[in-house]
Amino acid sequence: MLSDLELMDYHVNVLFKHDDKNRMTVVNEPPYDDAPRIFIGGTQQGNLIRYSSILSKSLLERLERVTSKDSGIQLGKIIGVLSVEQQINNFWVGPAFLFPDLIGKSTQTIQIT
């Protein structure tokens, strides 16, 4: 079975297209809007963090400092860093679910293609 971090990696790779540096470029569905400047996927095993390909080097370095393993995820500091160069127009927080009791069991789900 995949770990929570591996599942989160699959999740972010489905949500966004990435460049060769593993930076998010666009949302992975039409009309392919710009990816968010940062994605933080929290799991019981730690956080998966991805950055946008359009971030300046200085902004990326500041974000990496406030999201380091030593500092943990301090949302207020992240918002402060992101707000310096550009106003935040959209903010989304929400769960992504895993139902381990149902893995490998038949359910009445419908695959959407």
PDB file of N, CA and C in Angstrom:
ATOM      1  N   MET A   1       0.845  -1.186   0.000  1.00  0.00           N
ATOM      2  CA  MET A   1       0.000   0.000   0.000  1.00  0.00           C
ATOM      3  C   MET A   1       0.884   1.241   0.000  1.00  0.00           C
ATOM      4  N   LEU A   2       0.467   2.247  -0.722  1.00  0.00           N
ATOM      5  CA  LEU A   2       1.216   3.497  -0.789  1.00  0.00           C
ATOM      6  C   LEU A   2       1.119   4.259   0.528  1.00  0.00           C
ATOM      7  N   SER A   3       2.167   4.999   0.841  1.00  0.00           N
ATOM      8  CA  SER A   3       2.151   5.830   2.045  1.00  0.00           C
ATOM      9  C   SER A   3       1.298   7.073   1.779  1.00  0.00           C
ATOM     10  N   ASP A   4       0.940   7.766   2.847  1.00  0.00           N
ATOM     11  CA  ASP A   4       0.165   9.000   2.704  1.00  0.00           C
ATOM     12  C   ASP A   4       0.919  10.030   1.867  1.00  0.00           C
ATOM     13  N   LEU A   5       2.229  10.136   2.053  1.00  0.00           N
ATOM     14  CA  LEU A   5       3.017  11.083   1.260  1.00  0.00           C
ATOM     15  C   LEU A   5       3.031  10.702  -0.217  1.00  0.00           C
ATOM     16  N   GLU A   6       3.122   9.417  -0.508  1.00  0.00           N
ATOM     17  CA  GLU A   6       3.082   8.980  -1.905  1.00  0.00           C
ATOM     18  C   GLU A   6       1.719   9.282  -2.530  1.00  0.00           C
ATOM     19  N   LEU A   7       0.656   9.065  -1.766  1.00  0.00           N
ATOM     20  CA  LEU A   7      -0.678   9.382  -2.268  1.00  0.00           C
ATOM     21  C   LEU A   7      -0.832  10.883  -2.497  1.00  0.00           C
ATOM     22  N   MET A   8      -0.272  11.700  -1.611  1.00  0.00           N
ATOM     23  CA  MET A   8      -0.337  13.147  -1.784  1.00  0.00           C
ATOM     24  C   MET A   8       0.435  13.566  -3.029  1.00  0.00           C
ATOM     25  N   ASP A   9       1.542  12.890  -3.307  1.00  0.00           N
ATOM     26  CA  ASP A   9       2.317  13.175  -4.508  1.00  0.00           C
ATOM     27  C   ASP A   9       1.475  12.883  -5.751  1.00  0.00           C
ATOM     28  N   TYR A  10       0.773  11.753  -5.758  1.00  0.00           N
ATOM     29  CA  TYR A  10      -0.129  11.456  -6.869  1.00  0.00           C
ATOM     30  C   TYR A  10      -1.199  12.543  -6.989  1.00  0.00           C
ATOM     31  N   HIS A  11      -1.733  12.954  -5.847  1.00  0.00           N
ATOM     32  CA  HIS A  11      -2.803  13.957  -5.814  1.00  0.00           C
ATOM     33  C   HIS A  11      -2.354  15.266  -6.466  1.00  0.00           C
ATOM     34  N   VAL A  12      -1.205  15.785  -6.064  1.00  0.00           N
ATOM     35  CA  VAL A  12      -0.736  17.059  -6.619  1.00  0.00           C
ATOM     36  C   VAL A  12      -0.356  16.912  -8.090  1.00  0.00           C
ATOM     37  N   ASN A  13       0.107  15.745  -8.489  1.00  0.00           N
ATOM     38  CA  ASN A  13       0.446  15.531  -9.894  1.00  0.00           C
ATOM     39  C   ASN A  13      -0.793  15.420 -10.777  1.00  0.00           C
ATOM     40  N   VAL A  14      -1.898  15.024 -10.208  1.00  0.00           N
ATOM     41  CA  VAL A  14      -3.152  15.000 -10.956  1.00  0.00           C
ATOM     42  C   VAL A  14      -3.740  16.415 -11.034  1.00  0.00           C
ATOM     43  N   LEU A  15      -3.615  17.177  -9.975  1.00  0.00           N
ATOM     44  CA  LEU A  15      -4.187  18.520  -9.947  1.00  0.00           C
ATOM     45  C   LEU A  15      -3.477  19.493 -10.877  1.00  0.00           C
ATOM     46  N   PHE A  16      -2.135  19.379 -10.979  1.00  0.00           N
ATOM     47  CA  PHE A  16      -1.358  20.386 -11.697  1.00  0.00           C
ATOM     48  C   PHE A  16      -0.347  19.750 -12.643  1.00  0.00           C
ATOM     49  N   LYS A  17      -0.064  20.465 -13.735  1.00  0.00           N
ATOM     50  CA  LYS A  17       1.039  20.072 -14.611  1.00  0.00           C
ATOM     51  C   LYS A  17       2.306  20.660 -14.007  1.00  0.00           C
ATOM     52  N   HIS A  18       3.440  20.000 -14.268  1.00  0.00           N
ATOM     53  CA  HIS A  18       4.716  20.399 -13.678  1.00  0.00           C
ATOM     54  C   HIS A  18       5.785  20.540 -14.758  1.00  0.00           C
ATOM     55  N   ASP A  19       6.794  21.349 -14.459  1.00  0.00           N
ATOM     56  CA  ASP A  19       7.922  21.470 -15.376  1.00  0.00           C
ATOM     57  C   ASP A  19       9.015  20.480 -14.992  1.00  0.00           C
ATOM     58  N   ASP A  20      10.160  20.570 -15.643  1.00  0.00           N
ATOM     59  CA  ASP A  20      11.238  19.610 -15.381  1.00  0.00           C
ATOM     60  C   ASP A  20      11.903  19.796 -14.020  1.00  0.00           C
ATOM     61  N   LYS A  21      11.599  20.898 -13.328  1.00  0.00           N
ATOM     62  CA  LYS A  21      12.113  21.119 -11.966  1.00  0.00           C
ATOM     63  C   LYS A  21      11.070  20.760 -10.910  1.00  0.00           C
ATOM     64  N   ASN A  22       9.985  20.110 -11.350  1.00  0.00           N
ATOM     65  CA  ASN A  22       8.883  19.701 -10.476  1.00  0.00           C
ATOM     66  C   ASN A  22       8.159  20.899  -9.859  1.00  0.00           C
ATOM     67  N   ARG A  23       8.141  21.995 -10.584  1.00  0.00           N
ATOM     68  CA  ARG A  23       7.390  23.186 -10.178  1.00  0.00           C
ATOM     69  C   ARG A  23       6.059  23.179 -10.931  1.00  0.00           C
ATOM     70  N   MET A  24       5.004  23.577 -10.260  1.00  0.00           N
ATOM     71  CA  MET A  24       3.679  23.602 -10.870  1.00  0.00           C
ATOM     72  C   MET A  24       3.617  24.687 -11.944  1.00  0.00           C
ATOM     73  N   THR A  25       2.959  24.372 -13.059  1.00  0.00           N
ATOM     74  CA  THR A  25       2.825  25.345 -14.137  1.00  0.00           C
ATOM     75  C   THR A  25       1.368  25.788 -14.319  1.00  0.00           C
ATOM     76  N   VAL A  26       0.470  24.830 -14.524  1.00  0.00           N
ATOM     77  CA  VAL A  26      -0.943  25.148 -14.738  1.00  0.00           C
ATOM     78  C   VAL A  26      -1.825  24.093 -14.076  1.00  0.00           C
ATOM     79  N   VAL A  27      -3.091  24.450 -13.899  1.00  0.00           N
ATOM     80  CA  VAL A  27      -4.086  23.498 -13.426  1.00  0.00           C
ATOM     81  C   VAL A  27      -4.265  22.456 -14.525  1.00  0.00           C
ATOM     82  N   ASN A  28      -4.374  21.219 -14.147  1.00  0.00           N
ATOM     83  CA  ASN A  28      -4.370  20.111 -15.105  1.00  0.00           C
ATOM     84  C   ASN A  28      -5.755  19.821 -15.690  1.00  0.00           C
ATOM     85  N   GLU A  29      -6.484  20.871 -16.053  1.00  0.00           N
ATOM     86  CA  GLU A  29      -7.754  20.711 -16.750  1.00  0.00           C
ATOM     87  C   GLU A  29      -8.060  22.026 -17.463  1.00  0.00           C
ATOM     88  N   PRO A  30      -8.766  21.943 -18.594  1.00  0.00           N
ATOM     89  CA  PRO A  30      -9.092  23.166 -19.335  1.00  0.00           C
ATOM     90  C   PRO A  30      -9.861  24.132 -18.447  1.00  0.00           C
ATOM     91  N   PRO A  31      -9.608  25.388 -18.535  1.00  0.00           N
ATOM     92  CA  PRO A  31      -8.809  26.108 -19.528  1.00  0.00           C
ATOM     93  C   PRO A  31      -7.331  26.254 -19.140  1.00  0.00           C
ATOM     94  N   TYR A  32      -6.821  25.389 -18.295  1.00  0.00           N
ATOM     95  CA  TYR A  32      -5.410  25.366 -17.903  1.00  0.00           C
ATOM     96  C   TYR A  32      -4.960  26.701 -17.301  1.00  0.00           C
ATOM     97  N   ASP A  33      -5.701  27.139 -16.279  1.00  0.00           N
ATOM     98  CA  ASP A  33      -5.340  28.364 -15.556  1.00  0.00           C
ATOM     99  C   ASP A  33      -3.994  28.187 -14.887  1.00  0.00           C
ATOM    100  N   ASP A  34      -3.386  29.314 -14.521  1.00  0.00           N
ATOM    101  CA  ASP A  34      -2.111  29.264 -13.806  1.00  0.00           C
ATOM    102  C   ASP A  34      -2.261  28.466 -12.514  1.00  0.00           C
ATOM    103  N   ALA A  35      -1.241  27.713 -12.193  1.00  0.00           N
ATOM    104  CA  ALA A  35      -1.217  26.969 -10.928  1.00  0.00           C
ATOM    105  C   ALA A  35      -1.082  27.961  -9.777  1.00  0.00           C
ATOM    106  N   PRO A  36      -1.457  27.563  -8.586  1.00  0.00           N
ATOM    107  CA  PRO A  36      -1.255  28.439  -7.439  1.00  0.00           C
ATOM    108  C   PRO A  36       0.236  28.649  -7.183  1.00  0.00           C
ATOM    109  N   ARG A  37       0.552  29.687  -6.440  1.00  0.00           N
ATOM    110  CA  ARG A  37       1.959  29.961  -6.157  1.00  0.00           C
ATOM    111  C   ARG A  37       2.558  28.939  -5.208  1.00  0.00           C
ATOM    112  N   ILE A  38       1.715  28.319  -4.385  1.00  0.00           N
ATOM    113  CA  ILE A  38       2.202  27.275  -3.475  1.00  0.00           C
ATOM    114  C   ILE A  38       1.084  26.267  -3.231  1.00  0.00           C
ATOM    115  N   PHE A  39       1.473  25.024  -3.066  1.00  0.00           N
ATOM    116  CA  PHE A  39       0.560  23.946  -2.692  1.00  0.00           C
ATOM    117  C   PHE A  39       1.183  23.249  -1.495  1.00  0.00           C
ATOM    118  N   ILE A  40       0.415  23.092  -0.438  1.00  0.00           N
ATOM    119  CA  ILE A  40       0.886  22.378   0.748  1.00  0.00           C
ATOM    120  C   ILE A  40      -0.101  21.252   1.021  1.00  0.00           C
ATOM    121  N   GLY A  41       0.373  20.030   0.920  1.00  0.00           N
ATOM    122  CA  GLY A  41      -0.460  18.869   1.209  1.00  0.00           C
ATOM    123  C   GLY A  41       0.021  18.239   2.505  1.00  0.00           C
ATOM    124  N   GLY A  42      -0.769  18.331   3.536  1.00  0.00           N
ATOM    125  CA  GLY A  42      -0.385  17.796   4.840  1.00  0.00           C
ATOM    126  C   GLY A  42      -0.846  16.367   5.020  1.00  0.00           C
ATOM    127  N   THR A  43       0.046  15.541   5.525  1.00  0.00           N
ATOM    128  CA  THR A  43      -0.295  14.152   5.834  1.00  0.00           C
ATOM    129  C   THR A  43       0.211  13.835   7.238  1.00  0.00           C
ATOM    130  N   GLN A  44      -0.145  12.683   7.730  1.00  0.00           N
ATOM    131  CA  GLN A  44       0.351  12.254   9.042  1.00  0.00           C
ATOM    132  C   GLN A  44       1.852  12.014   9.018  1.00  0.00           C
ATOM    133  N   GLN A  45       2.401  11.799   7.827  1.00  0.00           N
ATOM    134  CA  GLN A  45       3.836  11.519   7.701  1.00  0.00           C
ATOM    135  C   GLN A  45       4.655  12.766   7.382  1.00  0.00           C
ATOM    136  N   GLY A  46       4.002  13.887   7.224  1.00  0.00           N
ATOM    137  CA  GLY A  46       4.699  15.125   6.897  1.00  0.00           C
ATOM    138  C   GLY A  46       3.968  15.873   5.801  1.00  0.00           C
ATOM    139  N   ASN A  47       4.592  16.923   5.323  1.00  0.00           N
ATOM    140  CA  ASN A  47       3.975  17.778   4.319  1.00  0.00           C
ATOM    141  C   ASN A  47       4.652  17.625   2.970  1.00  0.00           C
ATOM    142  N   LEU A  48       3.849  17.717   1.927  1.00  0.00           N
ATOM    143  CA  LEU A  48       4.366  17.773   0.573  1.00  0.00           C
ATOM    144  C   LEU A  48       4.137  19.207   0.093  1.00  0.00           C
ATOM    145  N   ILE A  49       5.197  19.872  -0.298  1.00  0.00           N
ATOM    146  CA  ILE A  49       5.102  21.270  -0.708  1.00  0.00           C
ATOM    147  C   ILE A  49       5.594  21.396  -2.135  1.00  0.00           C
ATOM    148  N   ARG A  50       4.806  22.080  -2.946  1.00  0.00           N
ATOM    149  CA  ARG A  50       5.189  22.363  -4.322  1.00  0.00           C
ATOM    150  C   ARG A  50       5.035  23.859  -4.548  1.00  0.00           C
ATOM    151  N   TYR A  51       5.916  24.397  -5.368  1.00  0.00           N
ATOM    152  CA  TYR A  51       5.914  25.816  -5.677  1.00  0.00           C
ATOM    153  C   TYR A  51       5.618  26.024  -7.154  1.00  0.00           C
ATOM    154  N   SER A  52       5.114  27.199  -7.478  1.00  0.00           N
ATOM    155  CA  SER A  52       4.824  27.558  -8.855  1.00  0.00           C
ATOM    156  C   SER A  52       6.108  27.842  -9.623  1.00  0.00           C
ATOM    157  N   SER A  53       6.074  27.579 -10.904  1.00  0.00           N
ATOM    158  CA  SER A  53       7.230  27.849 -11.765  1.00  0.00           C
ATOM    159  C   SER A  53       7.425  29.336 -12.020  1.00  0.00           C
ATOM    160  N   ILE A  54       6.437  30.165 -11.700  1.00  0.00           N
ATOM    161  CA  ILE A  54       6.544  31.596 -11.983  1.00  0.00           C
ATOM    162  C   ILE A  54       7.110  32.414 -10.822  1.00  0.00           C
ATOM    163  N   LEU A  55       7.425  31.756  -9.711  1.00  0.00           N
ATOM    164  CA  LEU A  55       7.942  32.493  -8.552  1.00  0.00           C
ATOM    165  C   LEU A  55       9.344  33.027  -8.827  1.00  0.00           C
ATOM    166  N   SER A  56       9.582  34.242  -8.356  1.00  0.00           N
ATOM    167  CA  SER A  56      10.939  34.787  -8.447  1.00  0.00           C
ATOM    168  C   SER A  56      11.848  34.002  -7.510  1.00  0.00           C
ATOM    169  N   LYS A  57      13.123  34.040  -7.777  1.00  0.00           N
ATOM    170  CA  LYS A  57      14.087  33.305  -6.945  1.00  0.00           C
ATOM    171  C   LYS A  57      14.037  33.794  -5.496  1.00  0.00           C
ATOM    172  N   SER A  58      13.937  35.107  -5.298  1.00  0.00           N
ATOM    173  CA  SER A  58      13.917  35.635  -3.927  1.00  0.00           C
ATOM    174  C   SER A  58      12.653  35.216  -3.188  1.00  0.00           C
ATOM    175  N   LEU A  59      11.503  35.230  -3.872  1.00  0.00           N
ATOM    176  CA  LEU A  59      10.261  34.802  -3.222  1.00  0.00           C
ATOM    177  C   LEU A  59      10.316  33.315  -2.898  1.00  0.00           C
ATOM    178  N   LEU A  60      10.835  32.526  -3.821  1.00  0.00           N
ATOM    179  CA  LEU A  60      10.972  31.091  -3.588  1.00  0.00           C
ATOM    180  C   LEU A  60      11.851  30.823  -2.368  1.00  0.00           C
ATOM    181  N   GLU A  61      12.957  31.527  -2.251  1.00  0.00           N
ATOM    182  CA  GLU A  61      13.860  31.341  -1.105  1.00  0.00           C
ATOM    183  C   GLU A  61      13.172  31.720   0.201  1.00  0.00           C
ATOM    184  N   ARG A  62      12.391  32.813   0.200  1.00  0.00           N
ATOM    185  CA  ARG A  62      11.671  33.209   1.419  1.00  0.00           C
ATOM    186  C   ARG A  62      10.618  32.172   1.787  1.00  0.00           C
ATOM    187  N   LEU A  63       9.908  31.668   0.784  1.00  0.00           N
ATOM    188  CA  LEU A  63       8.906  30.630   1.061  1.00  0.00           C
ATOM    189  C   LEU A  63       9.558  29.362   1.597  1.00  0.00           C
ATOM    190  N   GLU A  64      10.686  28.982   1.026  1.00  0.00           N
ATOM    191  CA  GLU A  64      11.377  27.783   1.502  1.00  0.00           C
ATOM    192  C   GLU A  64      11.825  27.938   2.951  1.00  0.00           C
ATOM    193  N   ARG A  65      12.199  29.145   3.336  1.00  0.00           N
ATOM    194  CA  ARG A  65      12.596  29.375   4.738  1.00  0.00           C
ATOM    195  C   ARG A  65      11.408  29.216   5.688  1.00  0.00           C
ATOM    196  N   VAL A  66      10.239  29.750   5.309  1.00  0.00           N
ATOM    197  CA  VAL A  66       9.088  29.671   6.225  1.00  0.00           C
ATOM    198  C   VAL A  66       8.354  28.343   6.137  1.00  0.00           C
ATOM    199  N   THR A  67       8.718  27.499   5.181  1.00  0.00           N
ATOM    200  CA  THR A  67       8.089  26.175   5.099  1.00  0.00           C
ATOM    201  C   THR A  67       9.082  25.054   5.368  1.00  0.00           C
ATOM    202  N   SER A  68      10.233  25.396   5.908  1.00  0.00           N
ATOM    203  CA  SER A  68      11.234  24.368   6.192  1.00  0.00           C
ATOM    204  C   SER A  68      10.718  23.413   7.256  1.00  0.00           C
ATOM    205  N   LYS A  69      11.298  22.227   7.303  1.00  0.00           N
ATOM    206  CA  LYS A  69      10.881  21.228   8.296  1.00  0.00           C
ATOM    207  C   LYS A  69      11.071  21.747   9.714  1.00  0.00           C
ATOM    208  N   ASP A  70      12.075  22.602   9.907  1.00  0.00           N
ATOM    209  CA  ASP A  70      12.338  23.138  11.245  1.00  0.00           C
ATOM    210  C   ASP A  70      11.260  24.115  11.700  1.00  0.00           C
ATOM    211  N   SER A  71      10.691  24.873  10.740  1.00  0.00           N
ATOM    212  CA  SER A  71       9.711  25.888  11.122  1.00  0.00           C
ATOM    213  C   SER A  71       8.276  25.376  11.102  1.00  0.00           C
ATOM    214  N   GLY A  72       8.034  24.254  10.454  1.00  0.00           N
ATOM    215  CA  GLY A  72       6.674  23.752  10.339  1.00  0.00           C
ATOM    216  C   GLY A  72       5.881  24.612   9.381  1.00  0.00           C
ATOM    217  N   ILE A  73       4.588  24.396   9.312  1.00  0.00           N
ATOM    218  CA  ILE A  73       3.737  25.178   8.431  1.00  0.00           C
ATOM    219  C   ILE A  73       3.092  26.285   9.252  1.00  0.00           C
ATOM    220  N   GLN A  74       3.561  27.493   9.018  1.00  0.00           N
ATOM    221  CA  GLN A  74       3.023  28.662   9.703  1.00  0.00           C
ATOM    222  C   GLN A  74       2.292  29.502   8.662  1.00  0.00           C
ATOM    223  N   LEU A  75       0.997  29.273   8.551  1.00  0.00           N
ATOM    224  CA  LEU A  75       0.198  29.851   7.488  1.00  0.00           C
ATOM    225  C   LEU A  75       0.283  31.381   7.458  1.00  0.00           C
ATOM    226  N   GLY A  76       0.290  32.013   8.609  1.00  0.00           N
ATOM    227  CA  GLY A  76       0.380  33.467   8.668  1.00  0.00           C
ATOM    228  C   GLY A  76       1.650  33.986   8.020  1.00  0.00           C
ATOM    229  N   LYS A  77       2.769  33.322   8.275  1.00  0.00           N
ATOM    230  CA  LYS A  77       4.046  33.732   7.673  1.00  0.00           C
ATOM    231  C   LYS A  77       4.045  33.492   6.164  1.00  0.00           C
ATOM    232  N   ILE A  78       3.464  32.386   5.734  1.00  0.00           N
ATOM    233  CA  ILE A  78       3.391  32.086   4.303  1.00  0.00           C
ATOM    234  C   ILE A  78       2.563  33.157   3.594  1.00  0.00           C
ATOM    235  N   ILE A  79       1.419  33.506   4.165  1.00  0.00           N
ATOM    236  CA  ILE A  79       0.573  34.552   3.585  1.00  0.00           C
ATOM    237  C   ILE A  79       1.327  35.878   3.549  1.00  0.00           C
ATOM    238  N   GLY A  80       2.064  36.187   4.614  1.00  0.00           N
ATOM    239  CA  GLY A  80       2.850  37.415   4.647  1.00  0.00           C
ATOM    240  C   GLY A  80       3.882  37.468   3.536  1.00  0.00           C
ATOM    241  N   VAL A  81       4.578  36.374   3.304  1.00  0.00           N
ATOM    242  CA  VAL A  81       5.590  36.317   2.243  1.00  0.00           C
ATOM    243  C   VAL A  81       4.927  36.474   0.879  1.00  0.00           C
ATOM    244  N   LEU A  82       3.838  35.758   0.649  1.00  0.00           N
ATOM    245  CA  LEU A  82       3.159  35.823  -0.643  1.00  0.00           C
ATOM    246  C   LEU A  82       2.557  37.194  -0.917  1.00  0.00           C
ATOM    247  N   SER A  83       2.157  37.902   0.118  1.00  0.00           N
ATOM    248  CA  SER A  83       1.507  39.201  -0.039  1.00  0.00           C
ATOM    249  C   SER A  83       2.476  40.321  -0.391  1.00  0.00           C
ATOM    250  N   VAL A  84       3.764  40.118  -0.194  1.00  0.00           N
ATOM    251  CA  VAL A  84       4.738  41.170  -0.455  1.00  0.00           C
ATOM    252  C   VAL A  84       4.773  41.545  -1.931  1.00  0.00           C
ATOM    253  N   GLU A  85       4.831  40.561  -2.809  1.00  0.00           N
ATOM    254  CA  GLU A  85       4.963  40.825  -4.240  1.00  0.00           C
ATOM    255  C   GLU A  85       3.634  40.926  -4.968  1.00  0.00           C
ATOM    256  N   GLN A  86       2.590  40.323  -4.428  1.00  0.00           N
ATOM    257  CA  GLN A  86       1.317  40.274  -5.139  1.00  0.00           C
ATOM    258  C   GLN A  86       0.192  40.033  -4.142  1.00  0.00           C
ATOM    259  N   GLN A  87      -0.917  40.715  -4.349  1.00  0.00           N
ATOM    260  CA  GLN A  87      -2.081  40.523  -3.497  1.00  0.00           C
ATOM    261  C   GLN A  87      -2.613  39.099  -3.658  1.00  0.00           C
ATOM    262  N   ILE A  88      -3.042  38.518  -2.569  1.00  0.00           N
ATOM    263  CA  ILE A  88      -3.654  37.193  -2.614  1.00  0.00           C
ATOM    264  C   ILE A  88      -5.124  37.374  -2.964  1.00  0.00           C
ATOM    265  N   ASN A  89      -5.528  36.811  -4.100  1.00  0.00           N
ATOM    266  CA  ASN A  89      -6.905  36.941  -4.571  1.00  0.00           C
ATOM    267  C   ASN A  89      -7.747  35.712  -4.298  1.00  0.00           C
ATOM    268  N   ASN A  90      -7.096  34.592  -4.027  1.00  0.00           N
ATOM    269  CA  ASN A  90      -7.824  33.355  -3.824  1.00  0.00           C
ATOM    270  C   ASN A  90      -7.041  32.503  -2.839  1.00  0.00           C
ATOM    271  N   PHE A  91      -7.770  31.883  -1.945  1.00  0.00           N
ATOM    272  CA  PHE A  91      -7.146  31.045  -0.922  1.00  0.00           C
ATOM    273  C   PHE A  91      -8.063  29.850  -0.739  1.00  0.00           C
ATOM    274  N   TRP A  92      -7.518  28.647  -0.852  1.00  0.00           N
ATOM    275  CA  TRP A  92      -8.352  27.469  -0.716  1.00  0.00           C
ATOM    276  C   TRP A  92      -7.718  26.514   0.284  1.00  0.00           C
ATOM    277  N   VAL A  93      -8.522  26.070   1.203  1.00  0.00           N
ATOM    278  CA  VAL A  93      -8.103  25.057   2.172  1.00  0.00           C
ATOM    279  C   VAL A  93      -9.191  24.000   2.174  1.00  0.00           C
ATOM    280  N   GLY A  94      -8.776  22.771   2.064  1.00  0.00           N
ATOM    281  CA  GLY A  94      -9.791  21.733   2.082  1.00  0.00           C
ATOM    282  C   GLY A  94      -9.175  20.362   2.198  1.00  0.00           C
ATOM    283  N   PRO A  95      -9.956  19.421   2.595  1.00  0.00           N
ATOM    284  CA  PRO A  95      -9.444  18.060   2.763  1.00  0.00           C
ATOM    285  C   PRO A  95      -9.415  17.277   1.458  1.00  0.00           C
ATOM    286  N   ALA A  96      -8.515  16.353   1.402  1.00  0.00           N
ATOM    287  CA  ALA A  96      -8.511  15.301   0.383  1.00  0.00           C
ATOM    288  C   ALA A  96      -8.638  14.005   1.178  1.00  0.00           C
ATOM    289  N   PHE A  97      -9.553  13.181   0.821  1.00  0.00           N
ATOM    290  CA  PHE A  97      -9.872  12.035   1.659  1.00  0.00           C
ATOM    291  C   PHE A  97      -9.275  10.731   1.150  1.00  0.00           C
ATOM    292  N   LEU A  98      -8.988   9.865   2.084  1.00  0.00           N
ATOM    293  CA  LEU A  98      -8.584   8.490   1.811  1.00  0.00           C
ATOM    294  C   LEU A  98      -9.419   7.614   2.734  1.00  0.00           C
ATOM    295  N   PHE A  99      -9.980   6.566   2.182  1.00  0.00           N
ATOM    296  CA  PHE A  99     -10.783   5.645   2.966  1.00  0.00           C
ATOM    297  C   PHE A  99     -10.086   4.292   2.997  1.00  0.00           C
ATOM    298  N   PRO A 100      -9.129   4.111   3.916  1.00  0.00           N
ATOM    299  CA  PRO A 100      -8.321   2.888   3.922  1.00  0.00           C
ATOM    300  C   PRO A 100      -9.135   1.621   4.119  1.00  0.00           C
ATOM    301  N   ASP A 101     -10.272   1.704   4.779  1.00  0.00           N
ATOM    302  CA  ASP A 101     -11.096   0.510   4.985  1.00  0.00           C
ATOM    303  C   ASP A 101     -11.707  -0.002   3.681  1.00  0.00           C
ATOM    304  N   LEU A 102     -11.738   0.844   2.644  1.00  0.00           N
ATOM    305  CA  LEU A 102     -12.362   0.457   1.380  1.00  0.00           C
ATOM    306  C   LEU A 102     -11.356   0.087   0.298  1.00  0.00           C
ATOM    307  N   ILE A 103     -10.077   0.233   0.580  1.00  0.00           N
ATOM    308  CA  ILE A 103      -9.068  -0.085  -0.423  1.00  0.00           C
ATOM    309  C   ILE A 103      -9.156  -1.565  -0.775  1.00  0.00           C
ATOM    310  N   GLY A 104      -9.291  -1.824  -2.069  1.00  0.00           N
ATOM    311  CA  GLY A 104      -9.374  -3.201  -2.549  1.00  0.00           C
ATOM    312  C   GLY A 104     -10.756  -3.821  -2.465  1.00  0.00           C
ATOM    313  N   LYS A 105     -11.726  -3.087  -1.909  1.00  0.00           N
ATOM    314  CA  LYS A 105     -13.087  -3.617  -1.811  1.00  0.00           C
ATOM    315  C   LYS A 105     -13.942  -3.047  -2.934  1.00  0.00           C
ATOM    316  N   SER A 106     -14.905  -3.789  -3.325  1.00  0.00           N
ATOM    317  CA  SER A 106     -15.825  -3.348  -4.369  1.00  0.00           C
ATOM    318  C   SER A 106     -16.776  -2.301  -3.781  1.00  0.00           C
ATOM    319  N   THR A 107     -16.913  -1.206  -4.502  1.00  0.00           N
ATOM    320  CA  THR A 107     -17.860  -0.160  -4.103  1.00  0.00           C
ATOM    321  C   THR A 107     -18.726   0.166  -5.291  1.00  0.00           C
ATOM    322  N   GLN A 108     -19.747   0.919  -5.077  1.00  0.00           N
ATOM    323  CA  GLN A 108     -20.637   1.302  -6.168  1.00  0.00           C
ATOM    324  C   GLN A 108     -20.250   2.684  -6.692  1.00  0.00           C
ATOM    325  N   THR A 109     -18.992   2.881  -6.959  1.00  0.00           N
ATOM    326  CA  THR A 109     -18.531   4.132  -7.518  1.00  0.00           C
ATOM    327  C   THR A 109     -18.640   4.078  -9.030  1.00  0.00           C
ATOM    328  N   ILE A 110     -18.678   5.241  -9.627  1.00  0.00           N
ATOM    329  CA  ILE A 110     -18.763   5.348 -11.086  1.00  0.00           C
ATOM    330  C   ILE A 110     -17.517   6.084 -11.562  1.00  0.00           C
ATOM    331  N   GLN A 111     -16.808   5.479 -12.499  1.00  0.00           N
ATOM    332  CA  GLN A 111     -15.632   6.130 -13.059  1.00  0.00           C
ATOM    333  C   GLN A 111     -16.089   7.161 -14.080  1.00  0.00           C
ATOM    334  N   ILE A 112     -15.585   8.376 -13.929  1.00  0.00           N
ATOM    335  CA  ILE A 112     -15.923   9.452 -14.855  1.00  0.00           C
ATOM    336  C   ILE A 112     -14.737   9.609 -15.794  1.00  0.00           C
ATOM    337  N   THR A 113     -15.028   9.535 -17.089  1.00  0.00           N
ATOM    338  CA  THR A 113     -13.949   9.669 -18.079  1.00  0.00           C
ATOM    339  C   THR A 113     -14.173  10.878 -18.965  1.00  0.00           C
TER     340      THR A 113
END
